[in-house]
Amino acid sequence: MNRLTKTFELEDKDLFLKQLFQWAENFDTLLWLDGNDYPLKETKHDLIFAVGALTEIAVQSGSGFQRFQEFQEQIQDWCFGYFSYDLKNELFDLSSSNADGLIFPELWFFQPEKIFFVNGNSVSLHYPPALAEDISVDMNTISNLKINQSSQLSKAANLEARMTKEDYLNKVNALKGHIQKGDIYEVNFCMEWFQKGLKINPYGVFNQLNQLSAAPFSCFLRHKDRYAMSASPERYLMKTGQHLISQPIKGTSKRFEDQSLDMASKNYLSQSEKERSENVMIVDLVRNDLSKVAQKGSVAVNELFGIYSFEQVHHMISTISADLKEDLTALDAIKASFPMGSMTGAPKLRAMQLIEDFEVSKRGLYSGAIGYFEPNGDFDFNVAIRAILYNQSEQYVSYSVGSAITAASEAEAEYEECLLKANALSRVLTQDDFTKAASHD
């Protein structure tokens, strides 16, 4: 599809973004991708907002990648959406049978009516010729909106863990037994907090989450009665031309208000042999995944053990790149590397088998990937973590967190890391500081 483009200069960017997000409440199909002005050289836009569906594809289970490829070939246009973690079952001899209160499709993408690209103090709209008359009206409506302070909860949230602390500790030690036997080197082990019968205002929840934990791959997704509100710090995979970039996170330490304590925490992360070991295992896994589709000799580690600071945590991030073979497609690159190594383990297949055995919740969209494809096949996807997921019809709210289990892991410390990662999510929903709670059995 040939889209038209119209660009507007913004007098007050912050106000416009608030008005734009409030305007989004009129639509039941949208994806808001917010970089939060985080300085990433590879990112093309400060913010992208895709709204309204000309066409869409939702696959509940089976043949998701094949059906998506056909969808892409049909529309020849921008498409936005997600790949859920459980698409692994199409790529490996695996299944998913754990509890699923969210019931999201395994794959969902839509061809948007309108796309807003915000860069600096300008916004560029891309839209079909048939909607040309709408654009000035839309911009006038948006710019005249008065900001409402949306309430986020109809009653106090009281989420419960699907796994007790005792069970978590026992399972971590059992996974370490598999490591000692040589089954795996590392596995990402996750647990879910959930509540049924809870009504929330997803827009208010995301606003609070994004204020509390602004991240470079934050996003707000709505697919009718399903919502995702994510403060993801991690890029799964990006394609520009034939060039691929993956930026896995492995290694976490706490932020402190006291600058000396904060610097000490950052230095600890930088020098920790355990965290470095976790990180390099996943770097090797990503290199191996990309080598399956890369031009010979093009796989490279651009940065190893980089330390990056976010609102709630410091993270260790490495950057791996490769050039895609000329005869392969964008979807081939995703299928070769999905699910991402940072959320699975090494070796990947055995780690995913153990994940299914030891975890008690179906991951679904959590630890999948949210993002977009351009008409030319370029794409950018995050890792769907630090995410509150909501099925409005079922009134089911959920978030999951996890950590990497290695031979050097201590079960209690891994549990505390999970609570640290969940802290912003918990504070938004319950107003409690998770990291200061005595127990979360």
Protein backbone atom coordinates (compact mmCIF):
# COMPACT_ATOMS: atom_id res chain seq x y z
CA MET A 1 0.00 0.00 0.00
CA ASN A 2 1.23 3.50 -0.83
CA ARG A 3 0.60 5.68 2.20
CA LEU A 4 0.46 9.47 2.27
CA THR A 5 2.51 11.40 4.81
CA LYS A 6 1.82 14.64 6.62
CA THR A 7 4.12 16.25 9.18
CA PHE A 8 3.23 18.68 11.98
CA GLU A 9 5.51 20.66 14.26
CA LEU A 10 4.73 20.41 17.97
CA GLU A 11 4.73 23.40 20.29
CA ASP A 12 4.62 21.22 23.41
CA LYS A 13 5.71 17.64 22.75
CA ASP A 14 4.96 16.35 26.27
CA LEU A 15 1.43 17.76 26.21
CA PHE A 16 0.80 16.38 22.73
CA LEU A 17 1.86 12.88 23.78
CA LYS A 18 -0.52 12.99 26.74
CA GLN A 19 -3.33 14.16 24.46
CA LEU A 20 -2.47 11.52 21.84
CA PHE A 21 -2.54 8.73 24.41
CA GLN A 22 -5.87 9.95 25.77
CA TRP A 23 -7.26 10.03 22.22
CA ALA A 24 -6.16 6.41 21.90
CA GLU A 25 -8.91 5.37 24.30
CA ASN A 26 -11.38 5.72 21.40
CA PHE A 27 -9.91 2.69 19.62
CA ASP A 28 -9.96 -1.04 20.35
CA THR A 29 -6.89 -1.80 18.22
CA LEU A 30 -3.60 -0.03 18.86
CA LEU A 31 0.08 -0.36 19.68
CA TRP A 32 2.04 2.42 21.40
CA LEU A 33 5.83 1.98 21.27
CA ASP A 34 7.60 4.50 23.48
CA GLY A 35 11.38 4.89 23.60
CA ASN A 36 11.08 7.37 26.49
CA ASP A 37 13.97 9.40 25.02
CA TYR A 38 16.39 6.66 26.08
CA PRO A 39 19.65 7.17 24.12
CA LEU A 40 19.83 4.15 21.79
CA LYS A 41 21.62 4.90 18.52
CA GLU A 42 19.95 2.03 16.65
CA THR A 43 16.38 3.18 17.36
CA LYS A 44 14.73 4.88 14.39
CA HIS A 45 11.96 6.86 16.15
CA ASP A 46 11.33 8.40 19.56
CA LEU A 47 7.78 7.03 19.59
CA ILE A 48 5.52 5.12 17.21
CA PHE A 49 1.76 4.90 17.62
CA ALA A 50 -0.26 2.65 15.31
CA VAL A 51 -4.04 2.83 15.61
CA GLY A 52 -7.10 1.29 13.98
CA ALA A 53 -7.14 -1.91 11.93
CA LEU A 54 -7.60 -2.06 8.18
CA THR A 55 -6.98 -5.82 8.43
CA GLU A 56 -5.63 -8.10 11.15
CA ILE A 57 -4.60 -11.66 11.88
CA ALA A 58 -5.09 -13.47 15.19
CA VAL A 59 -3.93 -17.08 15.50
CA GLN A 60 -5.06 -18.90 18.63
CA SER A 61 -2.86 -21.93 17.94
CA GLY A 62 -1.25 -23.72 15.01
CA SER A 63 0.52 -22.59 11.82
CA GLY A 64 1.07 -19.07 13.18
CA PHE A 65 4.26 -18.29 11.28
CA GLN A 66 2.93 -19.64 7.98
CA ARG A 67 -0.33 -17.73 8.28
CA PHE A 68 1.53 -14.56 9.24
CA GLN A 69 3.79 -14.88 6.21
CA GLU A 70 0.71 -15.11 3.99
CA PHE A 71 -0.78 -12.08 5.77
CA GLN A 72 2.40 -10.05 5.15
CA GLU A 73 2.49 -10.99 1.48
CA GLN A 74 -1.14 -9.99 1.11
CA ILE A 75 -1.00 -6.53 2.70
CA GLN A 76 2.51 -5.38 1.60
CA ASP A 77 2.33 -2.72 4.30
CA TRP A 78 3.28 -1.84 7.86
CA CYS A 79 2.03 -4.32 10.46
CA PHE A 80 2.18 -4.15 14.24
CA GLY A 81 1.63 -6.81 16.89
CA TYR A 82 3.27 -9.66 18.73
CA PHE A 83 4.68 -13.18 18.68
CA SER A 84 3.90 -15.09 21.88
CA TYR A 85 6.44 -17.32 23.60
CA ASP A 86 4.36 -20.42 22.83
CA LEU A 87 5.05 -20.17 19.12
CA LYS A 88 8.08 -22.20 20.18
CA ASN A 89 5.83 -25.23 19.69
CA GLU A 90 5.91 -24.62 15.93
CA LEU A 91 9.70 -24.36 15.87
CA PHE A 92 10.55 -27.21 18.24
CA ASP A 93 8.96 -30.48 19.32
CA LEU A 94 7.34 -28.85 22.35
CA SER A 95 3.91 -28.22 23.84
CA SER A 96 2.33 -25.86 26.39
CA SER A 97 -0.13 -27.22 28.93
CA ASN A 98 0.30 -25.05 32.02
CA ALA A 99 -2.41 -22.80 33.50
CA ASP A 100 -3.50 -19.93 31.23
CA GLY A 101 -5.81 -17.31 32.72
CA LEU A 102 -5.15 -14.73 30.00
CA ILE A 103 -6.06 -16.71 26.86
CA PHE A 104 -4.28 -14.38 24.43
CA PRO A 105 -3.85 -15.46 20.79
CA GLU A 106 -0.43 -16.97 20.11
CA LEU A 107 0.13 -14.41 17.37
CA TRP A 108 -1.61 -11.15 16.56
CA PHE A 109 -0.80 -8.44 14.01
CA PHE A 110 -2.77 -5.63 12.43
CA GLN A 111 -2.39 -3.36 9.43
CA PRO A 112 -3.03 0.08 10.97
CA GLU A 113 -5.24 2.79 9.62
CA LYS A 114 -2.93 5.53 10.88
CA ILE A 115 0.66 5.58 12.15
CA PHE A 116 2.14 8.46 14.15
CA PHE A 117 5.93 8.80 14.18
CA VAL A 118 7.21 11.25 16.79
CA ASN A 119 10.79 12.50 16.52
CA GLY A 120 12.00 15.51 18.41
CA ASN A 121 9.34 18.21 18.15
CA SER A 122 7.61 16.89 15.05
CA VAL A 123 5.02 14.23 14.36
CA SER A 124 4.65 12.53 10.99
CA LEU A 125 1.41 10.72 10.10
CA HIS A 126 1.32 7.88 7.57
CA TYR A 127 -2.14 6.96 6.30
CA PRO A 128 -4.01 5.53 3.28
CA PRO A 129 -5.25 8.03 0.68
CA ALA A 130 -8.85 7.17 1.58
CA LEU A 131 -8.31 8.63 5.06
CA ALA A 132 -6.70 11.89 3.91
CA GLU A 133 -9.62 14.05 5.04
CA ASP A 134 -9.41 12.62 8.57
CA ILE A 135 -5.89 13.74 9.37
CA SER A 136 -6.37 17.46 10.01
CA VAL A 137 -9.57 16.68 11.93
CA ASP A 138 -7.72 14.13 14.05
CA MET A 139 -4.88 16.53 14.83
CA ASN A 140 -7.33 19.29 15.75
CA THR A 141 -9.27 16.91 18.02
CA ILE A 142 -6.10 15.66 19.70
CA SER A 143 -4.64 19.13 20.27
CA ASN A 144 -7.86 20.33 21.92
CA LEU A 145 -8.23 17.47 24.39
CA LYS A 146 -8.13 18.34 28.08
CA ILE A 147 -6.10 15.83 30.03
CA ASN A 148 -8.09 13.66 32.42
CA GLN A 149 -6.44 11.97 35.36
CA SER A 150 -7.70 8.42 34.84
CA SER A 151 -8.24 6.28 37.90
CA GLN A 152 -6.48 2.97 37.54
CA LEU A 153 -8.31 0.52 39.85
CA SER A 154 -11.92 -0.04 40.85
CA LYS A 155 -10.74 -1.80 44.02
CA ALA A 156 -7.44 -2.56 45.67
CA ALA A 157 -5.37 -5.19 43.88
CA ASN A 158 -4.43 -8.25 45.89
CA LEU A 159 -2.41 -10.39 43.53
CA GLU A 160 -1.29 -13.85 44.55
CA ALA A 161 1.71 -15.86 43.45
CA ARG A 162 0.88 -19.01 41.50
CA MET A 163 3.97 -20.55 43.08
CA THR A 164 4.85 -20.31 46.80
CA LYS A 165 8.27 -19.10 47.81
CA GLU A 166 9.07 -22.57 49.20
CA ASP A 167 8.13 -24.19 45.89
CA TYR A 168 10.22 -21.63 44.00
CA LEU A 169 13.30 -22.29 46.15
CA ASN A 170 12.90 -26.06 45.81
CA LYS A 171 12.53 -25.80 42.05
CA VAL A 172 15.60 -23.60 41.68
CA ASN A 173 17.64 -26.18 43.56
CA ALA A 174 16.18 -28.96 41.41
CA LEU A 175 17.12 -27.02 38.26
CA LYS A 176 20.63 -26.65 39.64
CA GLY A 177 20.65 -30.45 39.87
CA HIS A 178 20.01 -30.59 36.12
CA ILE A 179 22.90 -28.18 35.60
CA GLN A 180 25.22 -30.30 37.72
CA LYS A 181 24.24 -33.38 35.67
CA GLY A 182 25.11 -31.53 32.47
CA ASP A 183 21.56 -31.27 31.06
CA ILE A 184 21.84 -27.48 30.73
CA TYR A 185 24.19 -24.63 31.52
CA GLU A 186 21.55 -21.99 32.20
CA VAL A 187 17.76 -21.71 32.30
CA ASN A 188 15.44 -18.73 32.68
CA PHE A 189 12.92 -19.70 35.36
CA CYS A 190 9.79 -17.56 35.81
CA MET A 191 6.75 -17.28 38.06
CA GLU A 192 3.40 -15.50 37.81
CA TRP A 193 1.42 -13.20 40.08
CA PHE A 194 -2.26 -12.89 39.18
CA GLN A 195 -5.74 -11.86 40.27
CA LYS A 196 -9.13 -12.71 38.83
CA GLY A 197 -12.13 -10.42 39.31
CA LEU A 198 -10.08 -7.23 39.19
CA LYS A 199 -11.16 -4.28 37.05
CA ILE A 200 -8.43 -1.86 36.03
CA ASN A 201 -8.13 1.13 33.73
CA PRO A 202 -5.28 -0.09 31.49
CA TYR A 203 -4.53 3.44 30.26
CA GLY A 204 -4.11 4.73 33.81
CA VAL A 205 -2.02 1.70 34.75
CA PHE A 206 0.33 2.19 31.80
CA ASN A 207 0.72 5.90 32.52
CA GLN A 208 1.77 5.14 36.08
CA LEU A 209 4.07 2.31 35.03
CA ASN A 210 5.75 4.44 32.39
CA GLN A 211 6.28 7.25 34.91
CA LEU A 212 7.67 4.88 37.53
CA SER A 213 9.81 2.74 35.22
CA ALA A 214 10.37 4.49 31.88
CA ALA A 215 12.22 2.13 29.55
CA PRO A 216 13.51 2.18 25.95
CA PHE A 217 11.08 -0.50 24.75
CA SER A 218 7.96 0.41 26.71
CA CYS A 219 4.69 -0.35 24.99
CA PHE A 220 0.93 -0.31 25.39
CA LEU A 221 -1.02 -2.81 23.32
CA ARG A 222 -4.75 -3.24 22.95
CA HIS A 223 -6.42 -6.00 20.99
CA LYS A 224 -10.11 -5.58 21.81
CA ASP A 225 -10.41 -6.90 25.38
CA ARG A 226 -6.74 -7.89 25.73
CA TYR A 227 -4.13 -5.43 26.95
CA ALA A 228 -0.37 -5.42 27.50
CA MET A 229 1.33 -2.66 29.50
CA SER A 230 5.10 -3.14 29.37
CA ALA A 231 8.17 -1.31 30.65
CA SER A 232 10.58 -3.53 28.74
CA PRO A 233 14.26 -2.56 28.79
CA GLU A 234 15.26 -5.19 26.24
CA ARG A 235 15.45 -5.41 22.45
CA TYR A 236 14.95 -8.90 21.05
CA LEU A 237 15.90 -8.31 17.41
CA MET A 238 16.03 -5.46 14.91
CA LYS A 239 16.53 -5.64 11.14
CA THR A 240 17.67 -2.71 9.00
CA GLY A 241 18.34 -3.71 5.42
CA GLN A 242 20.22 -7.01 5.80
CA HIS A 243 21.71 -5.99 9.16
CA LEU A 244 20.45 -7.68 12.33
CA ILE A 245 21.02 -6.54 15.92
CA SER A 246 20.13 -8.40 19.11
CA GLN A 247 20.69 -6.94 22.59
CA PRO A 248 20.12 -9.62 25.26
CA ILE A 249 20.01 -8.70 28.94
CA LYS A 250 21.56 -10.96 31.54
CA GLY A 251 22.69 -9.46 34.81
CA THR A 252 20.74 -7.25 37.23
CA SER A 253 21.46 -5.13 40.30
CA LYS A 254 19.35 -2.74 42.34
CA ARG A 255 19.20 1.06 42.01
CA PHE A 256 19.65 3.24 45.12
CA GLU A 257 18.78 6.87 45.79
CA ASP A 258 22.11 7.28 47.57
CA GLN A 259 24.65 7.90 44.80
CA SER A 260 27.49 6.05 46.51
CA LEU A 261 25.33 2.97 47.10
CA ASP A 262 24.03 3.16 43.55
CA MET A 263 27.55 3.32 42.12
CA ALA A 264 28.62 0.40 44.32
CA SER A 265 25.69 -1.65 43.00
CA LYS A 266 26.63 -0.74 39.43
CA ASN A 267 30.28 -1.67 40.02
CA TYR A 268 29.26 -4.97 41.60
CA LEU A 269 27.25 -5.83 38.50
CA SER A 270 30.11 -4.88 36.21
CA GLN A 271 32.64 -7.05 38.05
CA SER A 272 30.46 -10.02 39.10
CA GLU A 273 31.79 -13.26 37.67
CA LYS A 274 28.36 -14.86 38.11
CA GLU A 275 26.59 -12.13 36.12
CA ARG A 276 29.27 -12.17 33.42
CA SER A 277 28.97 -15.93 33.17
CA GLU A 278 25.19 -15.67 32.71
CA ASN A 279 25.63 -13.00 30.08
CA VAL A 280 28.29 -14.71 28.00
CA MET A 281 26.29 -17.96 27.85
CA ILE A 282 23.39 -16.11 26.27
CA VAL A 283 25.70 -14.17 23.96
CA ASP A 284 27.03 -17.48 22.68
CA LEU A 285 23.48 -18.76 22.23
CA VAL A 286 22.43 -15.67 20.25
CA ARG A 287 25.56 -15.90 18.11
CA ASN A 288 24.71 -19.51 17.35
CA ASP A 289 21.08 -18.67 16.50
CA LEU A 290 22.04 -15.83 14.17
CA SER A 291 24.76 -17.90 12.49
CA LYS A 292 22.00 -20.12 11.06
CA VAL A 293 20.76 -17.26 8.86
CA ALA A 294 23.83 -14.99 8.65
CA GLN A 295 26.20 -14.30 5.82
CA LYS A 296 29.48 -16.11 6.42
CA GLY A 297 31.77 -14.26 8.81
CA SER A 298 29.25 -11.51 9.61
CA VAL A 299 28.29 -12.50 13.17
CA ALA A 300 29.98 -10.13 15.63
CA VAL A 301 29.80 -9.12 19.28
CA ASN A 302 29.70 -5.32 19.16
CA GLU A 303 29.56 -4.84 22.93
CA LEU A 304 30.11 -7.35 25.72
CA PHE A 305 29.01 -6.75 29.32
CA GLY A 306 27.76 -3.19 28.79
CA ILE A 307 26.25 -1.70 31.97
CA TYR A 308 23.08 0.35 31.50
CA SER A 309 21.03 2.11 34.17
CA PHE A 310 17.22 2.19 34.24
CA GLU A 311 14.73 3.64 36.72
CA GLN A 312 14.57 0.55 38.94
CA VAL A 313 17.66 -1.51 38.10
CA HIS A 314 21.07 -1.64 36.48
CA HIS A 315 21.37 -4.23 33.69
CA MET A 316 24.23 -5.94 31.87
CA ILE A 317 23.53 -5.82 28.13
CA SER A 318 25.52 -7.19 25.23
CA THR A 319 25.02 -6.40 21.55
CA ILE A 320 25.38 -9.01 18.81
CA SER A 321 25.01 -8.28 15.10
CA ALA A 322 24.94 -10.19 11.83
CA ASP A 323 24.06 -9.71 8.18
CA LEU A 324 21.12 -11.77 6.93
CA LYS A 325 21.74 -13.95 3.90
CA GLU A 326 20.38 -12.34 0.75
CA ASP A 327 18.05 -15.23 -0.07
CA LEU A 328 16.37 -15.26 3.36
CA THR A 329 13.45 -13.22 4.67
CA ALA A 330 12.86 -11.17 7.79
CA LEU A 331 10.65 -13.94 9.15
CA ASP A 332 13.48 -16.45 8.64
CA ALA A 333 15.64 -14.37 11.00
CA ILE A 334 12.93 -14.42 13.66
CA LYS A 335 12.24 -18.14 13.32
CA ALA A 336 15.96 -18.91 13.67
CA SER A 337 16.30 -16.98 16.94
CA PHE A 338 12.88 -17.33 18.61
CA PRO A 339 12.19 -17.54 21.47
CA MET A 340 15.03 -15.25 22.50
CA GLY A 341 17.97 -16.76 24.39
CA SER A 342 17.69 -14.41 27.36
CA MET A 343 14.27 -15.89 28.23
CA THR A 344 15.08 -19.54 27.55
CA GLY A 345 18.58 -20.84 28.33
CA ALA A 346 21.36 -22.99 26.98
CA PRO A 347 21.08 -25.39 25.29
CA LYS A 348 17.84 -23.80 24.18
CA LEU A 349 15.70 -26.89 23.50
CA ARG A 350 16.51 -28.66 26.78
CA ALA A 351 16.05 -25.40 28.70
CA MET A 352 12.57 -24.93 27.20
CA GLN A 353 11.64 -28.50 28.07
CA LEU A 354 12.59 -27.86 31.70
CA ILE A 355 10.77 -24.51 31.68
CA GLU A 356 7.57 -26.33 30.73
CA ASP A 357 8.15 -28.94 33.45
CA PHE A 358 9.06 -26.58 36.29
CA GLU A 359 6.94 -23.49 35.64
CA VAL A 360 3.24 -23.66 36.48
CA SER A 361 1.86 -20.88 34.20
CA LYS A 362 1.69 -20.79 30.44
CA ARG A 363 3.86 -17.87 29.39
CA GLY A 364 1.78 -16.74 26.43
CA LEU A 365 2.66 -13.18 25.46
CA TYR A 366 5.05 -12.85 28.41
CA SER A 367 8.62 -13.37 27.11
CA GLY A 368 7.38 -13.20 23.56
CA ALA A 369 8.09 -10.17 21.36
CA ILE A 370 6.10 -7.00 20.60
CA GLY A 371 6.92 -4.69 17.71
CA TYR A 372 6.43 -3.98 14.02
CA PHE A 373 7.39 -4.76 10.43
CA GLU A 374 7.93 -2.13 7.76
CA PRO A 375 6.75 -2.76 4.18
CA ASN A 376 10.36 -3.44 3.09
CA GLY A 377 10.84 -6.20 5.68
CA ASP A 378 12.73 -4.17 8.27
CA PHE A 379 11.50 -4.74 11.82
CA ASP A 380 12.11 -3.99 15.49
CA PHE A 381 10.86 -6.12 18.40
CA ASN A 382 11.25 -5.91 22.14
CA VAL A 383 11.26 -8.73 24.68
CA ALA A 384 7.82 -8.72 26.30
CA ILE A 385 8.92 -8.49 29.93
CA ARG A 386 8.15 -6.16 32.90
CA ALA A 387 4.61 -6.41 31.56
CA ILE A 388 1.16 -6.27 33.12
CA LEU A 389 -1.22 -8.35 31.01
CA TYR A 390 -4.99 -7.99 31.25
CA ASN A 391 -7.96 -9.91 29.89
CA GLN A 392 -10.78 -7.43 30.43
CA SER A 393 -13.61 -9.90 29.76
CA GLU A 394 -12.23 -12.37 32.30
CA GLN A 395 -11.11 -9.54 34.64
CA TYR A 396 -7.81 -11.39 34.89
CA VAL A 397 -4.65 -9.40 35.64
CA SER A 398 -1.21 -11.01 35.52
CA TYR A 399 2.49 -10.34 35.50
CA SER A 400 5.44 -12.72 35.49
CA VAL A 401 9.11 -12.28 36.32
CA GLY A 402 12.12 -14.56 36.23
CA SER A 403 15.86 -14.89 36.48
CA ALA A 404 18.68 -16.96 35.03
CA ILE A 405 19.57 -20.08 36.99
CA THR A 406 23.18 -21.22 36.69
CA ALA A 407 25.51 -23.45 38.72
CA ALA A 408 26.48 -20.39 40.79
CA SER A 409 22.88 -19.42 41.63
CA GLU A 410 21.64 -19.18 45.20
CA ALA A 411 17.90 -19.84 45.35
CA GLU A 412 17.14 -17.09 47.88
CA ALA A 413 19.08 -14.50 45.86
CA GLU A 414 17.26 -15.50 42.67
CA TYR A 415 13.93 -15.05 44.46
CA GLU A 416 14.97 -11.58 45.60
CA GLU A 417 15.97 -10.71 42.02
CA CYS A 418 12.49 -11.69 40.86
CA LEU A 419 10.94 -9.40 43.47
CA LEU A 420 13.24 -6.58 42.36
CA LYS A 421 12.13 -6.97 38.74
CA ALA A 422 8.49 -7.10 39.82
CA ASN A 423 8.72 -4.05 42.06
CA ALA A 424 7.42 -1.41 39.63
CA LEU A 425 4.62 -3.71 38.46
CA SER A 426 3.57 -4.40 42.02
CA ARG A 427 3.72 -0.75 43.05
CA VAL A 428 1.48 0.31 40.18
CA LEU A 429 -1.18 -2.27 41.01
CA THR A 430 -1.00 -2.43 44.81
CA GLN A 431 0.92 0.73 45.82
CA ASP A 432 3.21 -1.55 47.86
CA ASP A 433 6.99 -1.65 47.48
CA PHE A 434 7.63 -5.29 46.68
CA THR A 435 11.30 -5.21 47.63
CA LYS A 436 10.49 -4.16 51.20
CA ALA A 437 7.92 -6.88 51.86
CA ALA A 438 8.96 -9.52 54.34
CA SER A 439 7.43 -12.45 52.50
CA HIS A 440 5.47 -13.18 49.35
CA ASP A 441 4.41 -16.77 49.87
